[in-house]
Amino acid sequence: MNGQLTDSRVRTRDFGPYPARLDPTNRWSGYVRPLFTLDAVRQIAGDTQAFTQRYGHHNWDTVHVLDGGTGPGGERRTIVLIIGWESYDDGQSPQQVTDVIEPTEDGLYGIGDGCWPWDIDPSAAETATTEQPL
C-alpha cells in the first residue's frame, strides 16, 4: 500500500459491515483491500462460520482465530487462518487450502486481501462525503 490509510466500514454482499482501515486507492478488480483489527477479525470469523453452518461450506471461505494464551515474554499468541473450502472440495490438501494471515506492523489483518469483494459500506461512504470541514 502506498497511500494513507483511513478509517472506514466495509462489507461484501454477504458479510458486514465491519470497521476497517484502508487506502481507498489500493484496489483489486475495483474492490478495496481493507485491513482489520483483531476484534473485527473475530466478528468476521464468527459470521463466516455461522454462514457456512447454515448454508454449507461449498464455495465459501471461513476465517478462524486461534488463541494460544500468552508467550514467554507476555505477548499475546494469536493465529488467524482462512480455509478455502471450495478448493478443498476440488481435491486440494488441507495445507493447500489454509492461509495463515500475518498481522501488519500495526497489528492489522488483511482478510481476503486481494481476493474477497470488499466494498466501502454505503453508509460509511455517505458519511465521508457529507462531512463538512471545520
N, C-alpha and C. Protein backbone atom coordinates (compact mmCIF):
# COMPACT_ATOMS: atom_id res chain seq x y z
N MET A 1 0.83 -1.18 0.00
CA MET A 1 0.00 0.00 0.00
C MET A 1 0.87 1.24 0.00
N ASN A 2 0.54 2.13 -0.89
CA ASN A 2 1.33 3.34 -0.99
C ASN A 2 0.62 4.55 -0.41
N GLY A 3 -0.71 4.53 -0.37
CA GLY A 3 -1.48 5.67 0.11
C GLY A 3 -1.66 5.65 1.62
N GLN A 4 -2.33 6.66 2.07
CA GLN A 4 -2.59 6.79 3.51
C GLN A 4 -3.84 6.00 3.89
N LEU A 5 -3.77 5.32 5.02
CA LEU A 5 -4.91 4.54 5.50
C LEU A 5 -5.92 5.47 6.17
N THR A 6 -7.19 5.19 5.91
CA THR A 6 -8.27 5.93 6.54
C THR A 6 -9.22 4.94 7.21
N ASP A 7 -9.95 5.43 8.19
CA ASP A 7 -10.97 4.61 8.85
C ASP A 7 -12.20 4.55 7.97
N SER A 8 -12.79 3.37 7.90
CA SER A 8 -14.00 3.21 7.09
C SER A 8 -14.78 2.02 7.63
N ARG A 9 -15.83 1.67 6.92
CA ARG A 9 -16.59 0.45 7.18
C ARG A 9 -16.73 -0.24 5.84
N VAL A 10 -16.55 -1.56 5.84
CA VAL A 10 -16.60 -2.30 4.59
C VAL A 10 -17.54 -3.49 4.73
N ARG A 11 -17.93 -4.01 3.55
CA ARG A 11 -18.83 -5.17 3.52
C ARG A 11 -18.62 -5.92 2.22
N THR A 12 -19.05 -7.17 2.22
CA THR A 12 -19.21 -7.93 0.99
C THR A 12 -20.71 -8.08 0.80
N ARG A 13 -21.10 -8.78 -0.23
CA ARG A 13 -22.53 -9.00 -0.45
C ARG A 13 -23.17 -9.73 0.73
N ASP A 14 -22.42 -10.64 1.35
CA ASP A 14 -22.99 -11.49 2.39
C ASP A 14 -22.55 -11.16 3.81
N PHE A 15 -21.50 -10.37 3.97
CA PHE A 15 -20.96 -10.12 5.31
C PHE A 15 -20.71 -8.64 5.55
N GLY A 16 -20.90 -8.24 6.81
CA GLY A 16 -20.56 -6.88 7.20
C GLY A 16 -21.79 -6.03 7.45
N PRO A 17 -21.56 -4.78 7.75
CA PRO A 17 -20.31 -4.04 7.65
C PRO A 17 -19.41 -4.26 8.87
N TYR A 18 -18.11 -4.02 8.63
CA TYR A 18 -17.09 -4.13 9.67
C TYR A 18 -16.22 -2.88 9.65
N PRO A 19 -15.74 -2.46 10.82
CA PRO A 19 -14.78 -1.34 10.83
C PRO A 19 -13.46 -1.80 10.22
N ALA A 20 -12.86 -0.91 9.45
CA ALA A 20 -11.62 -1.27 8.76
C ALA A 20 -10.76 -0.04 8.54
N ARG A 21 -9.51 -0.28 8.21
CA ARG A 21 -8.60 0.77 7.75
C ARG A 21 -8.26 0.41 6.32
N LEU A 22 -8.22 1.41 5.46
CA LEU A 22 -7.93 1.12 4.07
C LEU A 22 -7.37 2.34 3.35
N ASP A 23 -6.69 2.05 2.27
CA ASP A 23 -6.26 3.06 1.33
C ASP A 23 -7.28 2.99 0.19
N PRO A 24 -8.14 3.99 0.04
CA PRO A 24 -9.20 3.90 -0.96
C PRO A 24 -8.67 3.79 -2.40
N THR A 25 -7.40 4.11 -2.62
CA THR A 25 -6.84 4.00 -3.97
C THR A 25 -6.24 2.63 -4.24
N ASN A 26 -6.06 1.81 -3.20
CA ASN A 26 -5.48 0.47 -3.35
C ASN A 26 -6.62 -0.51 -3.60
N ARG A 27 -6.76 -0.92 -4.85
CA ARG A 27 -7.90 -1.75 -5.23
C ARG A 27 -7.44 -3.01 -5.94
N TRP A 28 -8.30 -4.01 -5.88
CA TRP A 28 -8.12 -5.27 -6.61
C TRP A 28 -9.41 -5.48 -7.39
N SER A 29 -9.34 -5.47 -8.71
CA SER A 29 -10.52 -5.64 -9.57
C SER A 29 -11.64 -4.69 -9.17
N GLY A 30 -11.29 -3.50 -8.73
CA GLY A 30 -12.28 -2.50 -8.34
C GLY A 30 -12.69 -2.54 -6.88
N TYR A 31 -12.30 -3.57 -6.17
CA TYR A 31 -12.67 -3.73 -4.76
C TYR A 31 -11.56 -3.19 -3.86
N VAL A 32 -11.97 -2.67 -2.69
CA VAL A 32 -10.98 -2.18 -1.73
C VAL A 32 -10.29 -3.35 -1.04
N ARG A 33 -9.15 -3.06 -0.45
CA ARG A 33 -8.33 -4.08 0.24
C ARG A 33 -8.17 -3.65 1.70
N PRO A 34 -9.19 -3.89 2.52
CA PRO A 34 -9.17 -3.39 3.89
C PRO A 34 -8.25 -4.19 4.81
N LEU A 35 -7.90 -3.52 5.90
CA LEU A 35 -7.17 -4.14 7.00
C LEU A 35 -8.05 -4.05 8.24
N PHE A 36 -7.99 -5.07 9.09
CA PHE A 36 -8.89 -5.17 10.23
C PHE A 36 -8.14 -5.36 11.53
N THR A 37 -8.72 -4.84 12.61
CA THR A 37 -8.21 -5.14 13.94
C THR A 37 -8.56 -6.58 14.27
N LEU A 38 -7.92 -7.12 15.31
CA LEU A 38 -8.22 -8.49 15.72
C LEU A 38 -9.68 -8.61 16.16
N ASP A 39 -10.23 -7.59 16.81
CA ASP A 39 -11.64 -7.64 17.20
C ASP A 39 -12.55 -7.76 15.99
N ALA A 40 -12.26 -7.00 14.94
CA ALA A 40 -13.06 -7.09 13.71
C ALA A 40 -12.88 -8.46 13.05
N VAL A 41 -11.65 -8.99 13.09
CA VAL A 41 -11.40 -10.32 12.53
C VAL A 41 -12.23 -11.36 13.27
N ARG A 42 -12.35 -11.20 14.58
CA ARG A 42 -13.18 -12.13 15.35
C ARG A 42 -14.64 -12.06 14.90
N GLN A 43 -15.13 -10.86 14.60
CA GLN A 43 -16.50 -10.71 14.08
C GLN A 43 -16.64 -11.41 12.73
N ILE A 44 -15.68 -11.19 11.86
CA ILE A 44 -15.71 -11.82 10.54
C ILE A 44 -15.67 -13.33 10.68
N ALA A 45 -14.81 -13.83 11.56
CA ALA A 45 -14.71 -15.27 11.79
C ALA A 45 -16.05 -15.84 12.25
N GLY A 46 -16.67 -15.20 13.22
CA GLY A 46 -17.96 -15.67 13.70
C GLY A 46 -19.01 -15.67 12.59
N ASP A 47 -19.02 -14.61 11.79
CA ASP A 47 -20.01 -14.51 10.72
C ASP A 47 -19.78 -15.55 9.63
N THR A 48 -18.52 -15.76 9.22
CA THR A 48 -18.26 -16.74 8.16
C THR A 48 -18.58 -18.15 8.64
N GLN A 49 -18.26 -18.44 9.89
CA GLN A 49 -18.54 -19.78 10.41
C GLN A 49 -20.04 -20.01 10.58
N ALA A 50 -20.77 -19.00 11.05
CA ALA A 50 -22.22 -19.13 11.18
C ALA A 50 -22.87 -19.30 9.81
N PHE A 51 -22.38 -18.56 8.83
CA PHE A 51 -22.92 -18.64 7.47
C PHE A 51 -22.74 -20.05 6.91
N THR A 52 -21.55 -20.62 7.06
CA THR A 52 -21.32 -21.95 6.50
C THR A 52 -22.05 -23.03 7.29
N GLN A 53 -22.28 -22.81 8.56
CA GLN A 53 -23.09 -23.77 9.32
C GLN A 53 -24.52 -23.79 8.80
N ARG A 54 -24.98 -22.62 8.38
CA ARG A 54 -26.36 -22.52 7.90
C ARG A 54 -26.50 -22.97 6.44
N TYR A 55 -25.54 -22.59 5.59
CA TYR A 55 -25.69 -22.81 4.15
C TYR A 55 -24.73 -23.84 3.56
N GLY A 56 -23.80 -24.34 4.36
CA GLY A 56 -22.83 -25.30 3.85
C GLY A 56 -21.50 -24.64 3.52
N HIS A 57 -20.48 -25.44 3.43
CA HIS A 57 -19.13 -24.93 3.22
C HIS A 57 -18.75 -24.77 1.76
N HIS A 58 -19.52 -25.33 0.84
CA HIS A 58 -19.15 -25.24 -0.57
C HIS A 58 -19.09 -23.78 -1.03
N ASN A 59 -18.05 -23.47 -1.76
CA ASN A 59 -17.85 -22.14 -2.35
C ASN A 59 -17.62 -21.02 -1.34
N TRP A 60 -17.35 -21.33 -0.08
CA TRP A 60 -17.15 -20.28 0.92
C TRP A 60 -15.85 -20.49 1.66
N ASP A 61 -15.26 -19.39 2.05
CA ASP A 61 -14.10 -19.43 2.93
C ASP A 61 -14.58 -19.21 4.36
N THR A 62 -13.86 -19.77 5.31
CA THR A 62 -14.14 -19.44 6.71
C THR A 62 -12.87 -18.88 7.33
N VAL A 63 -13.08 -17.95 8.25
CA VAL A 63 -11.98 -17.32 8.98
C VAL A 63 -11.98 -17.91 10.38
N HIS A 64 -10.79 -18.16 10.92
CA HIS A 64 -10.65 -18.74 12.25
C HIS A 64 -9.58 -17.98 13.02
N VAL A 65 -9.87 -17.71 14.28
CA VAL A 65 -8.91 -17.06 15.17
C VAL A 65 -8.56 -18.06 16.26
N LEU A 66 -7.30 -18.43 16.30
CA LEU A 66 -6.82 -19.39 17.29
C LEU A 66 -6.03 -18.63 18.34
N ASP A 67 -6.46 -18.74 19.58
CA ASP A 67 -5.79 -18.05 20.69
C ASP A 67 -4.91 -19.04 21.43
N GLY A 68 -3.65 -18.66 21.61
CA GLY A 68 -2.69 -19.53 22.30
C GLY A 68 -2.21 -18.95 23.61
N GLY A 69 -3.05 -18.13 24.23
CA GLY A 69 -2.64 -17.56 25.52
C GLY A 69 -1.53 -16.55 25.33
N THR A 70 -0.65 -16.49 26.30
CA THR A 70 0.48 -15.57 26.22
C THR A 70 1.78 -16.35 26.12
N GLY A 71 2.72 -15.76 25.40
CA GLY A 71 4.03 -16.38 25.23
C GLY A 71 4.92 -16.11 26.42
N PRO A 72 6.14 -16.62 26.38
CA PRO A 72 7.07 -16.47 27.50
C PRO A 72 7.40 -15.01 27.82
N GLY A 73 7.31 -14.13 26.81
CA GLY A 73 7.59 -12.72 27.02
C GLY A 73 6.34 -11.91 27.35
N GLY A 74 5.21 -12.59 27.54
CA GLY A 74 3.96 -11.91 27.86
C GLY A 74 3.16 -11.46 26.65
N GLU A 75 3.68 -11.72 25.45
CA GLU A 75 2.96 -11.32 24.24
C GLU A 75 1.77 -12.24 23.99
N ARG A 76 0.74 -11.67 23.39
CA ARG A 76 -0.44 -12.46 23.04
C ARG A 76 -0.11 -13.32 21.83
N ARG A 77 -0.45 -14.58 21.91
CA ARG A 77 -0.20 -15.51 20.80
C ARG A 77 -1.53 -15.80 20.12
N THR A 78 -1.65 -15.29 18.90
CA THR A 78 -2.87 -15.46 18.13
C THR A 78 -2.50 -15.83 16.70
N ILE A 79 -3.23 -16.78 16.15
CA ILE A 79 -3.04 -17.17 14.75
C ILE A 79 -4.37 -17.00 14.05
N VAL A 80 -4.34 -16.32 12.90
CA VAL A 80 -5.54 -16.12 12.09
C VAL A 80 -5.39 -16.96 10.82
N LEU A 81 -6.43 -17.75 10.53
CA LEU A 81 -6.43 -18.63 9.37
C LEU A 81 -7.65 -18.37 8.50
N ILE A 82 -7.47 -18.59 7.21
CA ILE A 82 -8.61 -18.64 6.29
C ILE A 82 -8.56 -20.01 5.62
N ILE A 83 -9.69 -20.69 5.63
CA ILE A 83 -9.81 -22.01 5.00
C ILE A 83 -10.65 -21.83 3.72
N GLY A 84 -10.10 -22.26 2.59
CA GLY A 84 -10.80 -22.19 1.31
C GLY A 84 -11.49 -23.52 1.00
N TRP A 85 -12.73 -23.64 1.40
CA TRP A 85 -13.45 -24.91 1.30
C TRP A 85 -13.72 -25.33 -0.14
N GLU A 86 -13.91 -24.39 -1.04
CA GLU A 86 -14.14 -24.76 -2.44
C GLU A 86 -12.91 -25.49 -2.99
N SER A 87 -11.73 -25.00 -2.67
CA SER A 87 -10.50 -25.65 -3.13
C SER A 87 -10.34 -27.03 -2.49
N TYR A 88 -10.75 -27.15 -1.23
CA TYR A 88 -10.70 -28.45 -0.55
C TYR A 88 -11.61 -29.44 -1.26
N ASP A 89 -12.82 -28.97 -1.61
CA ASP A 89 -13.77 -29.84 -2.32
C ASP A 89 -13.25 -30.22 -3.70
N ASP A 90 -12.37 -29.39 -4.26
CA ASP A 90 -11.77 -29.70 -5.56
C ASP A 90 -10.56 -30.61 -5.45
N GLY A 91 -10.27 -31.09 -4.23
CA GLY A 91 -9.23 -32.09 -4.05
C GLY A 91 -7.89 -31.59 -3.53
N GLN A 92 -7.80 -30.30 -3.20
CA GLN A 92 -6.54 -29.81 -2.64
C GLN A 92 -6.41 -30.26 -1.19
N SER A 93 -5.17 -30.33 -0.74
CA SER A 93 -4.90 -30.80 0.62
C SER A 93 -5.22 -29.70 1.64
N PRO A 94 -5.36 -30.08 2.92
CA PRO A 94 -5.58 -29.06 3.96
C PRO A 94 -4.50 -27.98 3.97
N GLN A 95 -3.25 -28.37 3.73
CA GLN A 95 -2.18 -27.36 3.70
C GLN A 95 -2.35 -26.39 2.54
N GLN A 96 -2.86 -26.88 1.41
CA GLN A 96 -3.04 -26.03 0.24
C GLN A 96 -4.21 -25.06 0.39
N VAL A 97 -5.19 -25.39 1.20
CA VAL A 97 -6.39 -24.55 1.31
C VAL A 97 -6.39 -23.67 2.55
N THR A 98 -5.32 -23.72 3.32
CA THR A 98 -5.23 -22.95 4.56
C THR A 98 -4.23 -21.82 4.39
N ASP A 99 -4.70 -20.60 4.59
CA ASP A 99 -3.83 -19.43 4.56
C ASP A 99 -3.66 -18.90 5.97
N VAL A 100 -2.42 -18.71 6.38
CA VAL A 100 -2.12 -18.06 7.65
C VAL A 100 -2.01 -16.57 7.36
N ILE A 101 -2.79 -15.77 8.06
CA ILE A 101 -2.82 -14.33 7.84
C ILE A 101 -1.94 -13.66 8.89
N GLU A 102 -0.83 -13.13 8.45
CA GLU A 102 0.11 -12.45 9.34
C GLU A 102 -0.37 -11.02 9.58
N PRO A 103 -0.23 -10.52 10.80
CA PRO A 103 -0.59 -9.11 11.03
C PRO A 103 0.47 -8.19 10.42
N THR A 104 0.03 -6.98 10.09
CA THR A 104 0.97 -5.95 9.64
C THR A 104 1.75 -5.47 10.85
N GLU A 105 2.69 -4.56 10.63
CA GLU A 105 3.44 -3.97 11.73
C GLU A 105 2.52 -3.26 12.72
N ASP A 106 1.36 -2.81 12.23
CA ASP A 106 0.39 -2.11 13.08
C ASP A 106 -0.61 -3.06 13.73
N GLY A 107 -0.42 -4.37 13.54
CA GLY A 107 -1.31 -5.36 14.15
C GLY A 107 -2.63 -5.51 13.43
N LEU A 108 -2.70 -5.14 12.16
CA LEU A 108 -3.93 -5.27 11.38
C LEU A 108 -3.82 -6.48 10.46
N TYR A 109 -4.98 -7.01 10.06
CA TYR A 109 -5.03 -8.24 9.27
C TYR A 109 -5.75 -7.98 7.95
N GLY A 110 -5.15 -8.44 6.87
CA GLY A 110 -5.77 -8.33 5.55
C GLY A 110 -6.60 -9.56 5.23
N ILE A 111 -7.84 -9.57 5.67
CA ILE A 111 -8.72 -10.71 5.44
C ILE A 111 -9.27 -10.65 4.02
N GLY A 112 -9.01 -11.70 3.26
CA GLY A 112 -9.45 -11.73 1.87
C GLY A 112 -8.76 -10.69 1.02
N ASP A 113 -7.59 -10.27 1.46
CA ASP A 113 -6.84 -9.20 0.79
C ASP A 113 -6.52 -9.58 -0.64
N GLY A 114 -7.19 -8.92 -1.57
CA GLY A 114 -6.93 -9.17 -2.98
C GLY A 114 -7.70 -10.32 -3.57
N CYS A 115 -8.66 -10.88 -2.83
CA CYS A 115 -9.48 -11.93 -3.42
C CYS A 115 -10.92 -11.94 -2.92
N TRP A 116 -11.26 -11.16 -1.91
CA TRP A 116 -12.65 -11.03 -1.48
C TRP A 116 -13.21 -9.72 -2.02
N PRO A 117 -14.47 -9.70 -2.41
CA PRO A 117 -15.05 -8.48 -2.99
C PRO A 117 -15.51 -7.48 -1.92
N TRP A 118 -14.56 -6.82 -1.27
CA TRP A 118 -14.88 -5.84 -0.24
C TRP A 118 -15.25 -4.51 -0.88
N ASP A 119 -16.36 -3.95 -0.43
CA ASP A 119 -16.78 -2.60 -0.84
C ASP A 119 -16.87 -1.72 0.39
N ILE A 120 -16.68 -0.44 0.19
CA ILE A 120 -16.94 0.51 1.27
C ILE A 120 -18.44 0.50 1.53
N ASP A 121 -18.83 0.36 2.80
CA ASP A 121 -20.24 0.33 3.15
C ASP A 121 -20.87 1.66 2.72
N PRO A 122 -22.03 1.62 2.05
CA PRO A 122 -22.65 2.86 1.58
C PRO A 122 -22.86 3.91 2.67
N SER A 123 -23.20 3.48 3.88
CA SER A 123 -23.40 4.47 4.96
C SER A 123 -22.08 5.13 5.33
N ALA A 124 -20.97 4.40 5.27
CA ALA A 124 -19.66 4.99 5.56
C ALA A 124 -19.26 5.95 4.44
N ALA A 125 -19.53 5.57 3.20
CA ALA A 125 -19.19 6.44 2.07
C ALA A 125 -20.03 7.70 2.10
N GLU A 126 -21.30 7.58 2.47
CA GLU A 126 -22.18 8.75 2.56
C GLU A 126 -21.71 9.70 3.64
N THR A 127 -21.33 9.14 4.79
CA THR A 127 -20.83 9.97 5.89
C THR A 127 -19.56 10.70 5.48
N ALA A 128 -18.67 9.99 4.80
CA ALA A 128 -17.41 10.60 4.38
C ALA A 128 -17.62 11.74 3.39
N THR A 129 -18.63 11.62 2.53
CA THR A 129 -18.83 12.65 1.52
C THR A 129 -19.70 13.80 2.03
N THR A 130 -20.45 13.59 3.11
CA THR A 130 -21.32 14.65 3.61
C THR A 130 -20.72 15.43 4.77
N GLU A 131 -19.60 14.94 5.33
CA GLU A 131 -18.98 15.66 6.44
C GLU A 131 -18.37 16.96 5.91
N GLN A 132 -18.58 18.03 6.64
CA GLN A 132 -18.05 19.32 6.26
C GLN A 132 -16.76 19.59 7.01
N PRO A 133 -15.77 20.17 6.36
CA PRO A 133 -14.54 20.52 7.07
C PRO A 133 -14.79 21.58 8.11
N LEU A 134 -13.98 21.59 9.15
CA LEU A 134 -14.13 22.59 10.22
C LEU A 134 -13.57 23.92 9.80
